[in-house]
N, C-alpha and C. Protein backbone atom coordinates (compact mmCIF):
# COMPACT_ATOMS: atom_id res chain seq x y z
N UNK A 1 0.85 -1.19 -0.01
CA UNK A 1 0.02 0.00 -0.03
C UNK A 1 0.85 1.24 0.00
N UNK A 2 1.92 1.27 0.87
CA UNK A 2 2.82 2.39 0.92
C UNK A 2 3.53 2.60 -0.43
N UNK A 3 3.86 1.50 -1.06
CA UNK A 3 4.54 1.53 -2.36
C UNK A 3 3.64 2.18 -3.45
N UNK A 4 2.37 1.79 -3.36
CA UNK A 4 1.40 2.35 -4.31
C UNK A 4 1.26 3.88 -4.16
N UNK A 5 1.21 4.32 -2.94
CA UNK A 5 1.08 5.79 -2.67
C UNK A 5 2.33 6.46 -3.12
N UNK A 6 3.52 5.92 -2.78
CA UNK A 6 4.76 6.50 -3.23
C UNK A 6 4.82 6.62 -4.77
N UNK A 7 4.41 5.56 -5.43
CA UNK A 7 4.43 5.54 -6.90
C UNK A 7 3.43 6.56 -7.45
N UNK A 8 2.24 6.70 -6.85
CA UNK A 8 1.31 7.69 -7.33
C UNK A 8 1.86 9.11 -7.17
N UNK A 9 2.47 9.39 -6.01
CA UNK A 9 3.06 10.66 -5.78
C UNK A 9 4.17 10.98 -6.77
N UNK A 10 5.04 10.02 -7.02
CA UNK A 10 6.11 10.16 -7.96
C UNK A 10 5.56 10.47 -9.37
N UNK A 11 4.53 9.70 -9.81
CA UNK A 11 4.01 9.92 -11.18
C UNK A 11 3.32 11.34 -11.25
N UNK A 12 2.68 11.75 -10.17
CA UNK A 12 2.05 13.05 -10.18
C UNK A 12 3.06 14.16 -10.32
N UNK A 13 4.18 14.01 -9.59
CA UNK A 13 5.27 15.00 -9.74
C UNK A 13 5.89 15.07 -11.09
N UNK A 14 6.10 13.90 -11.65
CA UNK A 14 6.68 13.79 -12.99
C UNK A 14 5.71 14.40 -14.09
N UNK A 15 4.45 14.09 -14.01
CA UNK A 15 3.52 14.56 -15.02
C UNK A 15 3.39 16.15 -14.86
N UNK A 16 3.39 16.59 -13.65
CA UNK A 16 3.30 18.06 -13.40
C UNK A 16 4.55 18.77 -13.95
N UNK A 17 5.66 18.17 -13.79
CA UNK A 17 6.96 18.79 -14.23
C UNK A 17 7.04 18.86 -15.74
N UNK A 18 6.43 17.90 -16.42
CA UNK A 18 6.53 17.77 -17.87
C UNK A 18 5.45 18.52 -18.61
N UNK A 19 4.42 18.96 -17.91
CA UNK A 19 3.28 19.52 -18.54
C UNK A 19 3.65 21.08 -18.88
N UNK A 20 3.48 21.44 -20.17
CA UNK A 20 3.77 22.84 -20.59
C UNK A 20 2.56 23.67 -20.24
N UNK A 21 2.83 24.96 -19.94
CA UNK A 21 1.81 25.91 -19.72
C UNK A 21 1.23 26.29 -21.12
N UNK A 22 -0.08 26.20 -21.23
CA UNK A 22 -0.73 26.45 -22.55
C UNK A 22 -1.11 27.98 -22.64
N UNK A 23 -1.10 28.44 -23.92
CA UNK A 23 -1.55 29.82 -24.17
C UNK A 23 -3.05 29.92 -23.76
N UNK A 24 -3.48 31.05 -23.42
CA UNK A 24 -4.94 31.19 -23.11
C UNK A 24 -5.77 30.83 -24.33
N UNK A 25 -6.95 30.31 -24.05
CA UNK A 25 -7.81 29.90 -25.17
C UNK A 25 -8.28 31.15 -25.91
N UNK A 26 -8.16 31.14 -27.23
CA UNK A 26 -8.65 32.22 -28.08
C UNK A 26 -10.11 32.21 -28.22
N UNK A 27 -10.72 33.34 -28.25
CA UNK A 27 -12.12 33.51 -28.57
C UNK A 27 -12.22 34.15 -29.91
N UNK A 28 -13.32 33.88 -30.59
CA UNK A 28 -13.61 34.43 -31.88
C UNK A 28 -14.73 35.47 -31.78
N UNK A 29 -14.53 36.64 -32.33
CA UNK A 29 -15.53 37.68 -32.32
C UNK A 29 -15.81 38.13 -33.73
N UNK A 30 -17.08 38.21 -34.14
CA UNK A 30 -17.52 38.61 -35.47
C UNK A 30 -17.88 40.08 -35.41
N UNK A 31 -17.26 40.91 -36.23
CA UNK A 31 -17.41 42.33 -36.25
C UNK A 31 -18.14 42.73 -37.51
N UNK A 32 -19.30 43.42 -37.38
CA UNK A 32 -20.01 43.87 -38.55
C UNK A 32 -20.50 45.32 -38.40
N UNK A 33 -20.42 45.93 -37.25
CA UNK A 33 -20.88 47.25 -36.99
C UNK A 33 -19.74 48.25 -36.79
N UNK A 34 -20.05 49.50 -37.22
CA UNK A 34 -19.06 50.58 -36.97
C UNK A 34 -18.72 50.66 -35.52
N UNK A 35 -17.52 51.25 -35.24
CA UNK A 35 -17.04 51.44 -33.92
C UNK A 35 -17.21 52.93 -33.66
N UNK A 36 -18.04 53.24 -32.67
CA UNK A 36 -18.38 54.58 -32.35
C UNK A 36 -18.04 55.00 -30.93
N UNK A 37 -17.38 54.11 -30.27
CA UNK A 37 -16.89 54.46 -28.88
C UNK A 37 -15.57 53.74 -28.70
N UNK A 38 -14.77 54.17 -27.73
CA UNK A 38 -13.49 53.55 -27.50
C UNK A 38 -13.67 52.06 -27.26
N UNK A 39 -12.90 51.27 -27.95
CA UNK A 39 -13.06 49.78 -27.96
C UNK A 39 -11.64 49.22 -27.88
N UNK A 40 -11.56 48.12 -27.11
CA UNK A 40 -10.24 47.38 -27.10
C UNK A 40 -10.49 45.92 -27.54
N UNK A 41 -9.68 45.49 -28.45
CA UNK A 41 -9.66 44.06 -28.86
C UNK A 41 -8.56 43.40 -28.10
N UNK A 42 -8.90 42.39 -27.32
CA UNK A 42 -7.99 41.77 -26.33
C UNK A 42 -7.04 40.75 -26.91
N UNK A 43 -5.89 40.67 -26.28
CA UNK A 43 -4.83 39.75 -26.71
C UNK A 43 -5.31 38.34 -26.83
N UNK A 44 -4.71 37.66 -27.80
CA UNK A 44 -4.92 36.22 -28.08
C UNK A 44 -6.31 35.86 -28.62
N UNK A 45 -7.08 36.84 -29.01
CA UNK A 45 -8.40 36.62 -29.62
C UNK A 45 -8.31 36.82 -31.11
N UNK A 46 -9.36 36.34 -31.74
CA UNK A 46 -9.45 36.51 -33.23
C UNK A 46 -10.71 37.31 -33.52
N UNK A 47 -10.58 38.37 -34.31
CA UNK A 47 -11.67 39.22 -34.66
C UNK A 47 -11.86 39.13 -36.17
N UNK A 48 -13.09 38.76 -36.58
CA UNK A 48 -13.36 38.54 -37.98
C UNK A 48 -14.29 39.74 -38.47
N UNK A 49 -13.70 40.48 -39.43
CA UNK A 49 -14.46 41.65 -40.02
C UNK A 49 -15.34 41.11 -41.09
N UNK A 50 -16.62 41.25 -41.02
CA UNK A 50 -17.54 40.63 -41.97
C UNK A 50 -17.95 41.58 -43.07
N UNK A 51 -17.71 42.87 -42.98
CA UNK A 51 -18.04 43.81 -44.05
C UNK A 51 -17.10 45.04 -43.89
N UNK A 52 -17.41 46.17 -44.44
CA UNK A 52 -16.59 47.33 -44.21
C UNK A 52 -17.15 48.05 -42.99
N UNK A 53 -16.29 48.25 -42.03
CA UNK A 53 -16.66 48.93 -40.82
C UNK A 53 -15.91 50.29 -40.75
N UNK A 54 -16.45 51.28 -40.07
CA UNK A 54 -15.83 52.58 -39.93
C UNK A 54 -15.56 52.83 -38.46
N UNK A 55 -14.48 53.42 -38.11
CA UNK A 55 -14.18 53.88 -36.82
C UNK A 55 -14.32 55.41 -36.81
N UNK A 56 -15.30 55.93 -36.06
CA UNK A 56 -15.61 57.34 -36.12
C UNK A 56 -16.14 57.83 -34.80
N UNK A 57 -16.70 59.02 -34.78
CA UNK A 57 -17.27 59.58 -33.51
C UNK A 57 -16.26 59.75 -32.42
N UNK A 58 -14.98 60.13 -32.83
CA UNK A 58 -13.88 60.31 -31.89
C UNK A 58 -13.51 59.01 -31.17
N UNK A 59 -13.82 57.88 -31.71
CA UNK A 59 -13.53 56.60 -31.06
C UNK A 59 -12.08 56.14 -31.43
N UNK A 60 -11.50 55.45 -30.51
CA UNK A 60 -10.25 54.77 -30.79
C UNK A 60 -10.38 53.31 -30.62
N UNK A 61 -9.91 52.57 -31.62
CA UNK A 61 -9.86 51.09 -31.55
C UNK A 61 -8.46 50.71 -31.14
N UNK A 62 -8.29 50.14 -29.94
CA UNK A 62 -7.03 49.66 -29.46
C UNK A 62 -6.95 48.19 -29.72
N UNK A 63 -5.87 47.73 -30.42
CA UNK A 63 -5.70 46.31 -30.69
C UNK A 63 -4.53 45.86 -29.93
N UNK A 64 -4.71 44.96 -29.02
CA UNK A 64 -3.57 44.52 -28.11
C UNK A 64 -2.69 43.57 -28.89
N UNK A 65 -1.46 43.48 -28.35
CA UNK A 65 -0.45 42.53 -28.89
C UNK A 65 -1.01 41.11 -28.90
N UNK A 66 -0.78 40.37 -29.97
CA UNK A 66 -1.19 39.00 -30.09
C UNK A 66 -2.56 38.79 -30.71
N UNK A 67 -3.23 39.85 -31.14
CA UNK A 67 -4.56 39.75 -31.71
C UNK A 67 -4.38 39.32 -33.22
N UNK A 68 -5.32 38.55 -33.74
CA UNK A 68 -5.41 38.26 -35.14
C UNK A 68 -6.76 38.90 -35.66
N UNK A 69 -6.61 39.73 -36.72
CA UNK A 69 -7.78 40.36 -37.35
C UNK A 69 -7.92 39.70 -38.68
N UNK A 70 -9.06 39.00 -38.88
CA UNK A 70 -9.34 38.33 -40.20
C UNK A 70 -10.42 39.05 -40.93
N UNK A 71 -10.34 39.11 -42.23
CA UNK A 71 -11.26 39.82 -43.06
C UNK A 71 -11.99 38.85 -44.02
N UNK A 72 -13.33 39.04 -44.03
CA UNK A 72 -14.12 38.27 -45.09
C UNK A 72 -13.80 38.90 -46.43
N UNK A 73 -14.12 38.21 -47.49
CA UNK A 73 -13.96 38.75 -48.85
C UNK A 73 -14.68 40.09 -48.98
N UNK A 74 -14.00 41.09 -49.56
CA UNK A 74 -14.54 42.42 -49.80
C UNK A 74 -14.74 43.26 -48.59
N UNK A 75 -14.13 42.94 -47.41
CA UNK A 75 -14.33 43.69 -46.25
C UNK A 75 -13.10 44.51 -45.98
N UNK A 76 -13.22 45.50 -45.10
CA UNK A 76 -12.11 46.34 -44.71
C UNK A 76 -12.49 47.23 -43.54
N UNK A 77 -11.53 48.07 -43.13
CA UNK A 77 -11.72 49.00 -42.05
C UNK A 77 -11.43 50.38 -42.62
N UNK A 78 -12.36 51.32 -42.41
CA UNK A 78 -12.10 52.70 -42.65
C UNK A 78 -12.02 53.49 -41.32
N UNK A 79 -11.24 54.47 -41.29
CA UNK A 79 -11.10 55.32 -40.09
C UNK A 79 -11.44 56.75 -40.45
N UNK A 80 -12.47 57.26 -39.86
CA UNK A 80 -12.93 58.65 -40.09
C UNK A 80 -13.44 58.87 -41.53
N UNK A 81 -14.04 57.87 -42.11
CA UNK A 81 -14.51 57.96 -43.47
C UNK A 81 -15.65 59.01 -43.58
N UNK A 82 -16.58 58.94 -42.65
CA UNK A 82 -17.78 59.83 -42.77
C UNK A 82 -17.56 61.12 -41.99
N UNK A 83 -16.33 61.62 -41.93
CA UNK A 83 -16.02 62.84 -41.27
C UNK A 83 -15.74 62.58 -39.82
N UNK A 84 -15.40 63.58 -39.05
CA UNK A 84 -15.12 63.38 -37.67
C UNK A 84 -13.78 62.84 -37.49
N UNK A 85 -13.56 62.20 -36.34
CA UNK A 85 -12.25 61.65 -35.96
C UNK A 85 -12.40 60.19 -35.50
N UNK A 86 -11.30 59.47 -35.67
CA UNK A 86 -11.21 58.10 -35.22
C UNK A 86 -9.79 57.70 -35.28
N UNK A 87 -9.39 56.61 -34.60
CA UNK A 87 -8.03 56.18 -34.65
C UNK A 87 -7.95 54.63 -34.43
N UNK A 88 -6.88 54.05 -34.93
CA UNK A 88 -6.57 52.66 -34.58
C UNK A 88 -5.17 52.74 -33.96
N UNK A 89 -5.10 52.05 -32.81
CA UNK A 89 -3.76 51.91 -32.15
C UNK A 89 -3.53 50.39 -32.06
N UNK A 90 -2.75 49.90 -33.04
CA UNK A 90 -2.47 48.47 -33.13
C UNK A 90 -0.94 48.33 -32.83
N UNK A 91 -0.69 48.08 -31.56
CA UNK A 91 0.75 48.05 -31.17
C UNK A 91 1.12 46.67 -30.60
N UNK A 92 1.63 45.86 -31.48
CA UNK A 92 2.06 44.52 -31.10
C UNK A 92 3.50 44.58 -30.54
N UNK A 93 4.10 43.46 -30.30
CA UNK A 93 5.46 43.37 -29.85
C UNK A 93 6.21 42.43 -30.73
N UNK A 94 7.52 42.32 -30.62
CA UNK A 94 8.33 41.42 -31.38
C UNK A 94 7.88 39.99 -31.11
N UNK A 95 7.54 39.67 -29.89
CA UNK A 95 7.13 38.30 -29.56
C UNK A 95 5.65 38.05 -29.72
N UNK A 96 4.87 39.13 -29.79
CA UNK A 96 3.39 38.99 -29.96
C UNK A 96 2.90 40.00 -30.98
N UNK A 97 3.20 39.75 -32.27
CA UNK A 97 2.77 40.72 -33.29
C UNK A 97 1.23 40.66 -33.53
N UNK A 98 0.75 41.63 -34.25
CA UNK A 98 -0.69 41.63 -34.61
C UNK A 98 -0.76 41.26 -36.07
N UNK A 99 -1.67 40.35 -36.39
CA UNK A 99 -1.84 39.89 -37.75
C UNK A 99 -3.10 40.36 -38.39
N UNK A 100 -3.09 41.00 -39.57
CA UNK A 100 -4.23 41.36 -40.37
C UNK A 100 -4.20 40.47 -41.58
N UNK A 101 -5.18 39.57 -41.72
CA UNK A 101 -5.08 38.58 -42.78
C UNK A 101 -6.48 38.22 -43.32
N UNK A 102 -6.52 37.37 -44.30
CA UNK A 102 -7.75 36.83 -44.92
C UNK A 102 -8.39 35.79 -43.98
N UNK A 103 -9.70 35.70 -44.04
CA UNK A 103 -10.41 34.65 -43.35
C UNK A 103 -10.73 33.46 -44.22
N UNK A 104 -10.17 33.47 -45.45
CA UNK A 104 -10.46 32.35 -46.40
C UNK A 104 -9.66 31.10 -45.97
N UNK A 105 -10.24 29.97 -46.20
CA UNK A 105 -9.58 28.72 -45.86
C UNK A 105 -8.28 28.55 -46.71
N UNK A 106 -8.37 28.97 -47.95
CA UNK A 106 -7.17 29.01 -48.82
C UNK A 106 -6.96 30.49 -49.18
N UNK A 107 -5.91 31.06 -48.66
CA UNK A 107 -5.66 32.50 -48.78
C UNK A 107 -5.05 32.88 -50.11
N UNK A 108 -5.52 34.01 -50.68
CA UNK A 108 -5.02 34.55 -51.93
C UNK A 108 -4.89 36.03 -51.79
N UNK A 109 -3.92 36.62 -52.54
CA UNK A 109 -3.78 38.04 -52.56
C UNK A 109 -5.09 38.68 -52.96
N UNK A 110 -5.48 39.72 -52.33
CA UNK A 110 -6.72 40.37 -52.65
C UNK A 110 -8.01 39.88 -52.03
N UNK A 111 -7.85 38.93 -51.07
CA UNK A 111 -9.04 38.40 -50.41
C UNK A 111 -9.83 39.46 -49.66
N UNK A 112 -9.20 40.42 -49.09
CA UNK A 112 -9.91 41.50 -48.40
C UNK A 112 -9.41 42.83 -49.02
N UNK A 113 -10.13 43.93 -48.69
CA UNK A 113 -9.91 45.15 -49.32
C UNK A 113 -8.70 45.95 -48.75
N UNK A 114 -8.95 46.70 -47.68
CA UNK A 114 -7.89 47.53 -47.16
C UNK A 114 -8.25 48.10 -45.79
N UNK A 115 -7.23 48.76 -45.19
CA UNK A 115 -7.53 49.65 -44.05
C UNK A 115 -7.29 51.05 -44.59
N UNK A 116 -8.42 51.85 -44.63
CA UNK A 116 -8.40 53.17 -45.20
C UNK A 116 -8.27 54.17 -44.05
N UNK A 117 -7.38 55.11 -44.16
CA UNK A 117 -7.14 56.13 -43.10
C UNK A 117 -7.43 57.45 -43.77
N UNK A 118 -8.47 58.14 -43.28
CA UNK A 118 -8.87 59.46 -43.83
C UNK A 118 -8.37 60.62 -42.94
N UNK A 119 -8.63 61.82 -43.33
CA UNK A 119 -8.11 63.02 -42.73
C UNK A 119 -8.26 63.06 -41.22
N UNK A 120 -9.39 62.51 -40.69
CA UNK A 120 -9.58 62.55 -39.21
C UNK A 120 -8.95 61.35 -38.49
N UNK A 121 -8.09 60.62 -39.12
CA UNK A 121 -7.50 59.39 -38.52
C UNK A 121 -6.18 59.66 -37.81
N UNK A 122 -5.86 60.92 -37.58
CA UNK A 122 -4.63 61.30 -36.91
C UNK A 122 -4.48 60.52 -35.58
N UNK A 123 -3.24 60.19 -35.24
CA UNK A 123 -3.02 59.45 -34.02
C UNK A 123 -3.06 57.95 -34.18
N UNK A 124 -3.40 57.51 -35.38
CA UNK A 124 -3.36 56.09 -35.64
C UNK A 124 -1.89 55.57 -35.62
N UNK A 125 -1.69 54.38 -35.03
CA UNK A 125 -0.32 53.79 -35.00
C UNK A 125 -0.32 52.30 -35.17
N UNK A 126 0.62 51.78 -35.93
CA UNK A 126 0.77 50.37 -36.14
C UNK A 126 2.19 49.95 -35.83
N UNK A 127 2.41 49.06 -34.93
CA UNK A 127 3.79 48.63 -34.54
C UNK A 127 3.75 47.14 -34.40
N UNK A 128 4.74 46.47 -35.06
CA UNK A 128 4.78 45.00 -35.09
C UNK A 128 3.51 44.43 -35.62
N UNK A 129 3.10 44.91 -36.77
CA UNK A 129 1.92 44.34 -37.43
C UNK A 129 2.32 43.69 -38.74
N UNK A 130 1.63 42.61 -39.10
CA UNK A 130 1.79 42.07 -40.46
C UNK A 130 0.47 42.10 -41.13
N UNK A 131 0.52 42.62 -42.40
CA UNK A 131 -0.68 42.76 -43.19
C UNK A 131 -0.45 41.78 -44.38
N UNK A 132 -1.45 40.92 -44.66
CA UNK A 132 -1.29 39.96 -45.74
C UNK A 132 -2.57 39.60 -46.42
N UNK A 133 -2.51 39.24 -47.70
CA UNK A 133 -3.60 38.74 -48.54
C UNK A 133 -4.74 39.77 -48.69
N UNK A 134 -4.37 41.07 -48.65
CA UNK A 134 -5.40 42.13 -48.88
C UNK A 134 -5.13 42.83 -50.23
N UNK A 135 -5.63 44.09 -50.25
CA UNK A 135 -5.38 44.91 -51.45
C UNK A 135 -6.34 44.60 -52.55
N UNK A 136 -7.49 43.97 -52.27
CA UNK A 136 -8.42 43.57 -53.32
C UNK A 136 -9.43 44.56 -53.78
N UNK A 137 -9.44 45.77 -53.23
CA UNK A 137 -10.44 46.75 -53.60
C UNK A 137 -10.23 47.23 -55.03
N UNK A 138 -9.00 47.52 -55.44
CA UNK A 138 -8.73 48.00 -56.77
C UNK A 138 -7.27 47.94 -57.00
N UNK A 139 -6.87 47.97 -58.29
CA UNK A 139 -5.45 47.96 -58.65
C UNK A 139 -4.74 49.26 -58.20
N UNK A 140 -5.57 50.27 -57.87
CA UNK A 140 -4.96 51.58 -57.47
C UNK A 140 -4.84 51.72 -55.96
N UNK A 141 -5.29 50.74 -55.24
CA UNK A 141 -5.19 50.77 -53.73
C UNK A 141 -4.33 49.55 -53.30
N UNK A 142 -3.84 49.67 -52.09
CA UNK A 142 -3.15 48.56 -51.48
C UNK A 142 -3.89 48.10 -50.24
N UNK A 143 -3.16 47.48 -49.36
CA UNK A 143 -3.78 47.00 -48.11
C UNK A 143 -3.93 48.22 -47.16
N UNK A 144 -3.11 49.17 -47.33
CA UNK A 144 -3.28 50.41 -46.52
C UNK A 144 -3.44 51.57 -47.55
N UNK A 145 -4.46 52.39 -47.25
CA UNK A 145 -4.68 53.56 -48.13
C UNK A 145 -4.90 54.77 -47.22
N UNK A 146 -4.02 55.77 -47.46
CA UNK A 146 -4.12 57.00 -46.63
C UNK A 146 -4.45 58.18 -47.54
N UNK A 147 -5.39 58.98 -47.14
CA UNK A 147 -5.72 60.23 -47.86
C UNK A 147 -5.83 61.32 -46.81
N UNK A 148 -4.87 62.28 -46.87
CA UNK A 148 -4.77 63.36 -45.98
C UNK A 148 -4.78 62.93 -44.52
N UNK A 149 -4.19 61.80 -44.24
CA UNK A 149 -4.15 61.26 -42.86
C UNK A 149 -2.65 61.12 -42.42
N UNK A 150 -2.50 61.17 -41.12
CA UNK A 150 -1.20 60.90 -40.54
C UNK A 150 -1.27 59.69 -39.66
N UNK A 151 -0.38 58.83 -39.85
CA UNK A 151 -0.25 57.59 -39.02
C UNK A 151 1.15 57.13 -39.01
N UNK A 152 1.52 56.36 -37.98
CA UNK A 152 2.85 55.80 -37.92
C UNK A 152 2.82 54.33 -38.08
N UNK A 153 3.83 53.77 -38.82
CA UNK A 153 3.99 52.37 -39.04
C UNK A 153 5.45 52.05 -38.70
N UNK A 154 5.64 51.16 -37.72
CA UNK A 154 6.96 50.78 -37.30
C UNK A 154 7.01 49.23 -37.17
N UNK A 155 8.07 48.66 -37.67
CA UNK A 155 8.31 47.25 -37.62
C UNK A 155 7.14 46.42 -38.22
N UNK A 156 6.57 46.92 -39.31
CA UNK A 156 5.44 46.25 -39.95
C UNK A 156 5.90 45.53 -41.16
N UNK A 157 5.19 44.44 -41.52
CA UNK A 157 5.45 43.72 -42.74
C UNK A 157 4.19 43.70 -43.62
N UNK A 158 4.43 43.76 -44.90
CA UNK A 158 3.30 43.73 -45.89
C UNK A 158 3.68 42.66 -46.86
N UNK A 159 2.74 41.68 -47.09
CA UNK A 159 3.09 40.58 -47.97
C UNK A 159 1.85 40.05 -48.62
N UNK A 160 1.97 39.53 -49.80
CA UNK A 160 0.91 38.84 -50.53
C UNK A 160 -0.25 39.82 -50.82
N UNK A 161 0.09 41.10 -51.17
CA UNK A 161 -0.95 42.01 -51.54
C UNK A 161 -1.27 41.90 -53.03
N UNK A 162 -2.59 42.09 -53.35
CA UNK A 162 -2.93 42.02 -54.81
C UNK A 162 -2.36 43.28 -55.57
N UNK A 163 -2.18 44.34 -54.81
CA UNK A 163 -1.64 45.50 -55.43
C UNK A 163 -0.56 46.06 -54.55
N UNK A 164 -0.61 47.34 -54.18
CA UNK A 164 0.42 47.97 -53.36
C UNK A 164 0.32 47.51 -51.94
N UNK A 165 1.41 47.72 -51.20
CA UNK A 165 1.41 47.44 -49.78
C UNK A 165 0.49 48.30 -49.04
């Protein structure tokens, strides 16, 4: 009996020592409405953009490090499109970048349209972000389109765009 208890304790210790800590479970959120108030998309989650959404009404969308943003075909994000002000603050890290990508099961360049930044999008920033498989709106647009807007991009990658980065 004592040997069985000792063996059980030994096995419990060994299993505990060998078990890796898992990443938090990701949740999936479907986004189809404009963002009109300050909003945060939390780390390790997936956000699927189902159509074109606009960030306006002085709202800021904060995207935490480790988030994945997926776009349905023909979808995108506009910032301050209908006038007013809005901003995206997507600041990943080297170890937890932010990914903007297609939601298609087989990804192709041009699967989603773009992130459009208009005049009122000042203060938008992107750091350690990867943009891929977008640029599908037109041959004259890329995955990022800025018109009279100011935004910062640092440590970002652009790949597999149908047109410009």
